[in-house]
Amino acid sequence: MPTHLDAPFRIIIWTVDELAAFLLPFILLFFMMNAPIVAVVVGVAMVIGLRKLKGEEGHYFLAHLAYWYLPPLIRYRVTPPSHIRFLLG
């Protein structure tokens, strides 16, 4: 039973987007350039930067920014496209 209903899904201590922000530079630097210490430092710095970017806004803040300001990456069936600002009138 989750403590809070709106709590994000976590893998060990990180949310999915924080884990991706750690793993992407870690895999690139560790396996491509054989630099394990630099890979860990850059990965942790990316996670800290992502947490500061999200701030107090919540874990869906970046998804909402992407919906409003980027081209449509995901098409929703119910939600209208973000470029339609006025639905009636």
C-alpha atoms as a PDB file:
ATOM      1  CA  MET A   1       0.000   0.000   0.000  1.00  0.00           C
ATOM      2  CA  PRO A   2       1.589   3.300  -1.020  1.00  0.00           C
ATOM      3  CA  THR A   3       1.862   5.965   1.647  1.00  0.00           C
ATOM      4  CA  HIS A   4       0.689   8.676  -0.735  1.00  0.00           C
ATOM      5  CA  LEU A   5      -1.452   8.080  -3.790  1.00  0.00           C
ATOM      6  CA  ASP A   6       0.436  10.570  -5.934  1.00  0.00           C
ATOM      7  CA  ALA A   7       3.908   9.324  -4.965  1.00  0.00           C
ATOM      8  CA  PRO A   8       6.052   8.641  -8.057  1.00  0.00           C
ATOM      9  CA  PHE A   9       7.244   5.145  -8.900  1.00  0.00           C
ATOM     10  CA  ARG A  10      10.737   4.629  -7.472  1.00  0.00           C
ATOM     11  CA  ILE A  11      13.507   2.207  -8.293  1.00  0.00           C
ATOM     12  CA  ILE A  12      15.526   1.900  -5.080  1.00  0.00           C
ATOM     13  CA  ILE A  13      15.948   5.639  -4.219  1.00  0.00           C
ATOM     14  CA  TRP A  14      15.454   7.336  -7.587  1.00  0.00           C
ATOM     15  CA  THR A  15      12.411   8.038  -9.723  1.00  0.00           C
ATOM     16  CA  VAL A  16      12.439   6.750 -13.285  1.00  0.00           C
ATOM     17  CA  ASP A  17      13.565  10.061 -14.812  1.00  0.00           C
ATOM     18  CA  GLU A  18      16.365  10.443 -12.254  1.00  0.00           C
ATOM     19  CA  LEU A  19      17.532   6.898 -12.963  1.00  0.00           C
ATOM     20  CA  ALA A  20      17.578   7.657 -16.692  1.00  0.00           C
ATOM     21  CA  ALA A  21      19.517  10.879 -16.036  1.00  0.00           C
ATOM     22  CA  PHE A  22      22.107   8.832 -14.144  1.00  0.00           C
ATOM     23  CA  LEU A  23      22.318   5.829 -16.457  1.00  0.00           C
ATOM     24  CA  LEU A  24      22.643   7.634 -19.792  1.00  0.00           C
ATOM     25  CA  PRO A  25      25.911   9.491 -19.053  1.00  0.00           C
ATOM     26  CA  PHE A  26      27.120   6.609 -16.877  1.00  0.00           C
ATOM     27  CA  ILE A  27      26.796   4.036 -19.666  1.00  0.00           C
ATOM     28  CA  LEU A  28      28.276   6.361 -22.268  1.00  0.00           C
ATOM     29  CA  LEU A  29      31.288   7.345 -20.190  1.00  0.00           C
ATOM     30  CA  PHE A  30      31.888   3.985 -18.536  1.00  0.00           C
ATOM     31  CA  PHE A  31      31.685   1.727 -21.550  1.00  0.00           C
ATOM     32  CA  MET A  32      32.688   4.045 -24.383  1.00  0.00           C
ATOM     33  CA  MET A  33      35.530   5.959 -22.734  1.00  0.00           C
ATOM     34  CA  ASN A  34      36.457   3.575 -19.890  1.00  0.00           C
ATOM     35  CA  ALA A  35      36.215   6.298 -17.246  1.00  0.00           C
ATOM     36  CA  PRO A  36      34.283   4.823 -14.278  1.00  0.00           C
ATOM     37  CA  ILE A  37      34.976   7.561 -11.723  1.00  0.00           C
ATOM     38  CA  VAL A  38      34.091  10.351 -14.136  1.00  0.00           C
ATOM     39  CA  ALA A  39      30.976   8.403 -15.154  1.00  0.00           C
ATOM     40  CA  VAL A  40      29.725   8.226 -11.558  1.00  0.00           C
ATOM     41  CA  VAL A  41      30.495  11.909 -10.898  1.00  0.00           C
ATOM     42  CA  VAL A  42      28.750  13.080 -14.077  1.00  0.00           C
ATOM     43  CA  GLY A  43      25.766  10.780 -13.425  1.00  0.00           C
ATOM     44  CA  VAL A  44      25.303  12.051  -9.871  1.00  0.00           C
ATOM     45  CA  ALA A  45      25.685  15.650 -11.084  1.00  0.00           C
ATOM     46  CA  MET A  46      22.951  15.040 -13.671  1.00  0.00           C
ATOM     47  CA  VAL A  47      20.615  13.663 -10.976  1.00  0.00           C
ATOM     48  CA  ILE A  48      21.290  16.627  -8.679  1.00  0.00           C
ATOM     49  CA  GLY A  49      20.703  19.034 -11.584  1.00  0.00           C
ATOM     50  CA  LEU A  50      17.449  17.292 -12.490  1.00  0.00           C
ATOM     51  CA  ARG A  51      16.243  17.470  -8.888  1.00  0.00           C
ATOM     52  CA  LYS A  52      17.023  21.198  -8.768  1.00  0.00           C
ATOM     53  CA  LEU A  53      15.245  21.700 -12.105  1.00  0.00           C
ATOM     54  CA  LYS A  54      12.146  19.896 -10.855  1.00  0.00           C
ATOM     55  CA  GLY A  55      12.345  21.700  -7.514  1.00  0.00           C
ATOM     56  CA  GLU A  56       9.136  22.029  -5.600  1.00  0.00           C
ATOM     57  CA  GLU A  57       6.985  21.702  -8.706  1.00  0.00           C
ATOM     58  CA  GLY A  58       6.686  17.921  -8.503  1.00  0.00           C
ATOM     59  CA  HIS A  59       7.703  14.942 -10.537  1.00  0.00           C
ATOM     60  CA  TYR A  60       5.449  15.705 -13.527  1.00  0.00           C
ATOM     61  CA  PHE A  61       6.752  19.253 -13.977  1.00  0.00           C
ATOM     62  CA  LEU A  62       9.091  18.362 -16.852  1.00  0.00           C
ATOM     63  CA  ALA A  63       6.397  16.324 -18.600  1.00  0.00           C
ATOM     64  CA  HIS A  64       4.057  19.325 -18.429  1.00  0.00           C
ATOM     65  CA  LEU A  65       6.768  21.628 -19.806  1.00  0.00           C
ATOM     66  CA  ALA A  66       7.385  19.210 -22.665  1.00  0.00           C
ATOM     67  CA  TYR A  67       3.645  19.114 -23.448  1.00  0.00           C
ATOM     68  CA  TRP A  68       3.301  22.892 -23.631  1.00  0.00           C
ATOM     69  CA  TYR A  69       6.547  23.971 -25.276  1.00  0.00           C
ATOM     70  CA  LEU A  70       7.866  21.094 -27.410  1.00  0.00           C
ATOM     71  CA  PRO A  71       6.397  19.637 -30.594  1.00  0.00           C
ATOM     72  CA  PRO A  72       3.908  16.836 -29.933  1.00  0.00           C
ATOM     73  CA  LEU A  73       6.047  13.849 -28.968  1.00  0.00           C
ATOM     74  CA  ILE A  74       3.148  11.800 -27.620  1.00  0.00           C
ATOM     75  CA  ARG A  75      -0.366  11.967 -29.010  1.00  0.00           C
ATOM     76  CA  TYR A  76      -3.070  11.832 -26.355  1.00  0.00           C
ATOM     77  CA  ARG A  77      -6.539  10.583 -27.204  1.00  0.00           C
ATOM     78  CA  VAL A  78      -8.435  12.770 -24.743  1.00  0.00           C
ATOM     79  CA  THR A  79      -6.189  15.808 -24.256  1.00  0.00           C
ATOM     80  CA  PRO A  80      -6.193  18.317 -27.115  1.00  0.00           C
ATOM     81  CA  PRO A  81      -2.902  19.369 -28.735  1.00  0.00           C
ATOM     82  CA  SER A  82      -1.089  22.118 -26.857  1.00  0.00           C
ATOM     83  CA  HIS A  83      -1.174  24.598 -29.745  1.00  0.00           C
ATOM     84  CA  ILE A  84      -4.998  24.816 -29.472  1.00  0.00           C
ATOM     85  CA  ARG A  85      -5.261  27.418 -26.687  1.00  0.00           C
ATOM     86  CA  PHE A  86      -8.956  28.300 -26.897  1.00  0.00           C
ATOM     87  CA  LEU A  87     -11.465  25.473 -27.281  1.00  0.00           C
ATOM     88  CA  LEU A  88     -14.731  27.418 -27.299  1.00  0.00           C
ATOM     89  CA  GLY A  89     -15.460  30.909 -28.468  1.00  0.00           C
END
